Amino acid sequence: QVQLQESGPGLVKPSQMLSLTCTVSGGSITTSNYAWSWIRQPPGKGLEWMGAIAYDGSTYYSPSLKSRTSISRDTSKNQFSLQLSSVTPEDTALYYCTTGSLDLWGQGTLVRVSS
């Protein structure tokens, strides 16, 4: 059974970079035809897809976040990561890592942007 677990700081200061890592267990992030996504949910708002990284390392980003978002991976650790630059309080949200098909999700991690 594939499981995903997010990790990273729960508090980030405005203008700094938000960095989160998703550790995948029970399956390989390089499994053919699989992709891995980041999704967030600001308080009181809906889910927002941020981007994804495919099994071959190809990356895809939401147009609205593309200029600030980078998704990478460490295949030796079976992890993929999210970096969001120049954060503002509007980036405060629950951040989830998921499979590309959205059938499996991590538990989510709350990141608050505040000075």
C-alpha atoms as a PDB file:
ATOM      1  CA  GLN A   1       0.000   0.000   0.000  1.00  0.00           C
ATOM      2  CA  VAL A   2       1.465   3.318  -1.077  1.00  0.00           C
ATOM      3  CA  GLN A   3       1.593   5.945   1.632  1.00  0.00           C
ATOM      4  CA  LEU A   4       2.576   9.592   1.465  1.00  0.00           C
ATOM      5  CA  GLN A   5       3.804  11.811   4.282  1.00  0.00           C
ATOM      6  CA  GLU A   6       4.457  15.530   4.142  1.00  0.00           C
ATOM      7  CA  SER A   7       7.153  17.203   6.215  1.00  0.00           C
ATOM      8  CA  GLY A   8       8.486  20.704   6.598  1.00  0.00           C
ATOM      9  CA  PRO A   9       8.258  23.882   8.660  1.00  0.00           C
ATOM     10  CA  GLY A  10       4.862  24.923   9.911  1.00  0.00           C
ATOM     11  CA  LEU A  11       5.723  28.610   9.953  1.00  0.00           C
ATOM     12  CA  VAL A  12       7.352  30.663   7.219  1.00  0.00           C
ATOM     13  CA  LYS A  13       7.990  34.382   7.208  1.00  0.00           C
ATOM     14  CA  PRO A  14       6.641  36.590   4.430  1.00  0.00           C
ATOM     15  CA  SER A  15       8.920  36.935   1.396  1.00  0.00           C
ATOM     16  CA  GLN A  16      10.763  33.741   2.311  1.00  0.00           C
ATOM     17  CA  MET A  17      10.625  30.351   0.628  1.00  0.00           C
ATOM     18  CA  LEU A  18       8.278  27.584   1.661  1.00  0.00           C
ATOM     19  CA  SER A  19       9.833  24.134   1.347  1.00  0.00           C
ATOM     20  CA  LEU A  20       8.013  20.859   1.869  1.00  0.00           C
ATOM     21  CA  THR A  21       8.990  17.259   1.258  1.00  0.00           C
ATOM     22  CA  CYS A  22       6.788  14.267   0.597  1.00  0.00           C
ATOM     23  CA  THR A  23       8.139  10.851   1.501  1.00  0.00           C
ATOM     24  CA  VAL A  24       6.569   7.983  -0.400  1.00  0.00           C
ATOM     25  CA  SER A  25       6.561   4.469   1.001  1.00  0.00           C
ATOM     26  CA  GLY A  26       5.222   1.242  -0.422  1.00  0.00           C
ATOM     27  CA  GLY A  27       5.958   2.258  -3.984  1.00  0.00           C
ATOM     28  CA  SER A  28       8.543   3.997  -6.129  1.00  0.00           C
ATOM     29  CA  ILE A  29       8.172   7.531  -7.424  1.00  0.00           C
ATOM     30  CA  THR A  30       9.833   6.348 -10.629  1.00  0.00           C
ATOM     31  CA  THR A  31       7.154   3.752 -11.355  1.00  0.00           C
ATOM     32  CA  SER A  32       6.255   4.127 -14.989  1.00  0.00           C
ATOM     33  CA  ASN A  33       3.278   6.319 -15.810  1.00  0.00           C
ATOM     34  CA  TYR A  34       2.890   7.587 -12.256  1.00  0.00           C
ATOM     35  CA  ALA A  35       2.892  11.226 -11.245  1.00  0.00           C
ATOM     36  CA  TRP A  36       2.967  12.969  -7.892  1.00  0.00           C
ATOM     37  CA  SER A  37       1.236  16.210  -7.047  1.00  0.00           C
ATOM     38  CA  TRP A  38       1.066  19.014  -4.548  1.00  0.00           C
ATOM     39  CA  ILE A  39      -2.327  20.432  -3.618  1.00  0.00           C
ATOM     40  CA  ARG A  40      -3.191  23.059  -1.059  1.00  0.00           C
ATOM     41  CA  GLN A  41      -6.263  24.337   0.716  1.00  0.00           C
ATOM     42  CA  PRO A  42      -6.274  27.802   2.286  1.00  0.00           C
ATOM     43  CA  PRO A  43      -8.485  28.215   5.351  1.00  0.00           C
ATOM     44  CA  GLY A  44     -12.119  28.409   4.326  1.00  0.00           C
ATOM     45  CA  LYS A  45     -11.335  27.926   0.643  1.00  0.00           C
ATOM     46  CA  GLY A  46     -11.270  25.117  -1.874  1.00  0.00           C
ATOM     47  CA  LEU A  47      -8.508  22.841  -3.039  1.00  0.00           C
ATOM     48  CA  GLU A  48      -5.876  24.236  -5.385  1.00  0.00           C
ATOM     49  CA  TRP A  49      -3.657  22.035  -7.527  1.00  0.00           C
ATOM     50  CA  MET A  50      -0.162  23.471  -7.505  1.00  0.00           C
ATOM     51  CA  GLY A  51       1.836  21.168  -9.703  1.00  0.00           C
ATOM     52  CA  ALA A  52       3.186  17.697 -10.281  1.00  0.00           C
ATOM     53  CA  ILE A  53       6.275  15.708 -11.105  1.00  0.00           C
ATOM     54  CA  ALA A  54       6.038  12.648 -13.296  1.00  0.00           C
ATOM     55  CA  TYR A  55       7.858   9.324 -13.034  1.00  0.00           C
ATOM     56  CA  ASP A  56      10.423  10.527 -15.574  1.00  0.00           C
ATOM     57  CA  GLY A  57      11.086  13.811 -13.753  1.00  0.00           C
ATOM     58  CA  SER A  58       8.929  15.986 -15.989  1.00  0.00           C
ATOM     59  CA  THR A  59       7.244  18.788 -14.106  1.00  0.00           C
ATOM     60  CA  TYR A  60       3.920  20.538 -14.541  1.00  0.00           C
ATOM     61  CA  TYR A  61       2.723  23.666 -12.786  1.00  0.00           C
ATOM     62  CA  SER A  62      -0.433  25.624 -12.239  1.00  0.00           C
ATOM     63  CA  PRO A  63      -0.221  28.703 -14.464  1.00  0.00           C
ATOM     64  CA  SER A  64      -1.174  30.931 -11.553  1.00  0.00           C
ATOM     65  CA  LEU A  65       1.723  29.661  -9.416  1.00  0.00           C
ATOM     66  CA  LYS A  66       4.274  28.714 -12.028  1.00  0.00           C
ATOM     67  CA  SER A  67       6.493  31.750 -11.502  1.00  0.00           C
ATOM     68  CA  ARG A  68       6.932  30.916  -7.793  1.00  0.00           C
ATOM     69  CA  THR A  69       6.801  27.120  -7.734  1.00  0.00           C
ATOM     70  CA  SER A  70       9.401  24.431  -8.174  1.00  0.00           C
ATOM     71  CA  ILE A  71       8.887  20.706  -7.740  1.00  0.00           C
ATOM     72  CA  SER A  72      11.843  18.358  -7.584  1.00  0.00           C
ATOM     73  CA  ARG A  73      12.623  14.832  -6.478  1.00  0.00           C
ATOM     74  CA  ASP A  74      15.254  12.708  -4.782  1.00  0.00           C
ATOM     75  CA  THR A  75      14.902   9.224  -6.170  1.00  0.00           C
ATOM     76  CA  SER A  76      17.460   7.809  -3.742  1.00  0.00           C
ATOM     77  CA  LYS A  77      15.157   8.775  -0.870  1.00  0.00           C
ATOM     78  CA  ASN A  78      11.905   8.216  -2.770  1.00  0.00           C
ATOM     79  CA  GLN A  79      10.869  11.776  -2.014  1.00  0.00           C
ATOM     80  CA  PHE A  80       9.561  14.705  -3.970  1.00  0.00           C
ATOM     81  CA  SER A  81       9.607  18.291  -2.820  1.00  0.00           C
ATOM     82  CA  LEU A  82       7.819  21.597  -3.223  1.00  0.00           C
ATOM     83  CA  GLN A  83       9.376  25.017  -3.099  1.00  0.00           C
ATOM     84  CA  LEU A  84       7.224  28.131  -3.185  1.00  0.00           C
ATOM     85  CA  SER A  85       9.066  31.416  -3.244  1.00  0.00           C
ATOM     86  CA  SER A  86       8.143  34.918  -2.101  1.00  0.00           C
ATOM     87  CA  VAL A  87       5.351  33.715   0.141  1.00  0.00           C
ATOM     88  CA  THR A  88       2.676  35.993   1.565  1.00  0.00           C
ATOM     89  CA  PRO A  89       0.013  35.360   4.211  1.00  0.00           C
ATOM     90  CA  GLU A  90      -2.264  34.297   1.334  1.00  0.00           C
ATOM     91  CA  ASP A  91      -0.076  31.207   0.981  1.00  0.00           C
ATOM     92  CA  THR A  92      -1.174  30.012   4.413  1.00  0.00           C
ATOM     93  CA  ALA A  93      -2.822  26.662   3.776  1.00  0.00           C
ATOM     94  CA  LEU A  94      -2.975  22.957   4.374  1.00  0.00           C
ATOM     95  CA  TYR A  95      -0.508  21.444   1.938  1.00  0.00           C
ATOM     96  CA  TYR A  96      -1.024  17.924   0.669  1.00  0.00           C
ATOM     97  CA  CYS A  97       1.083  15.611  -1.441  1.00  0.00           C
ATOM     98  CA  THR A  98      -0.904  13.171  -3.526  1.00  0.00           C
ATOM     99  CA  THR A  99      -0.619  10.673  -6.304  1.00  0.00           C
ATOM    100  CA  GLY A 100      -1.224  12.173  -9.712  1.00  0.00           C
ATOM    101  CA  SER A 101      -4.541  10.407  -9.963  1.00  0.00           C
ATOM    102  CA  LEU A 102      -5.510  11.897  -6.568  1.00  0.00           C
ATOM    103  CA  ASP A 103      -6.459   8.496  -5.217  1.00  0.00           C
ATOM    104  CA  LEU A 104      -3.948   8.622  -2.384  1.00  0.00           C
ATOM    105  CA  TRP A 105      -3.158  11.614  -0.184  1.00  0.00           C
ATOM    106  CA  GLY A 106      -0.831  12.432   2.638  1.00  0.00           C
ATOM    107  CA  GLN A 107      -2.387  13.642   5.876  1.00  0.00           C
ATOM    108  CA  GLY A 108      -1.544  17.233   5.030  1.00  0.00           C
ATOM    109  CA  THR A 109       0.604  19.762   6.799  1.00  0.00           C
ATOM    110  CA  LEU A 110      -0.445  23.245   7.841  1.00  0.00           C
ATOM    111  CA  VAL A 111       1.913  25.991   6.783  1.00  0.00           C
ATOM    112  CA  ARG A 112       1.320  29.452   8.151  1.00  0.00           C
ATOM    113  CA  VAL A 113       2.952  32.500   6.654  1.00  0.00           C
ATOM    114  CA  SER A 114       3.424  35.114   9.304  1.00  0.00           C
ATOM    115  CA  SER A 115       6.058  37.419  10.687  1.00  0.00           C
END
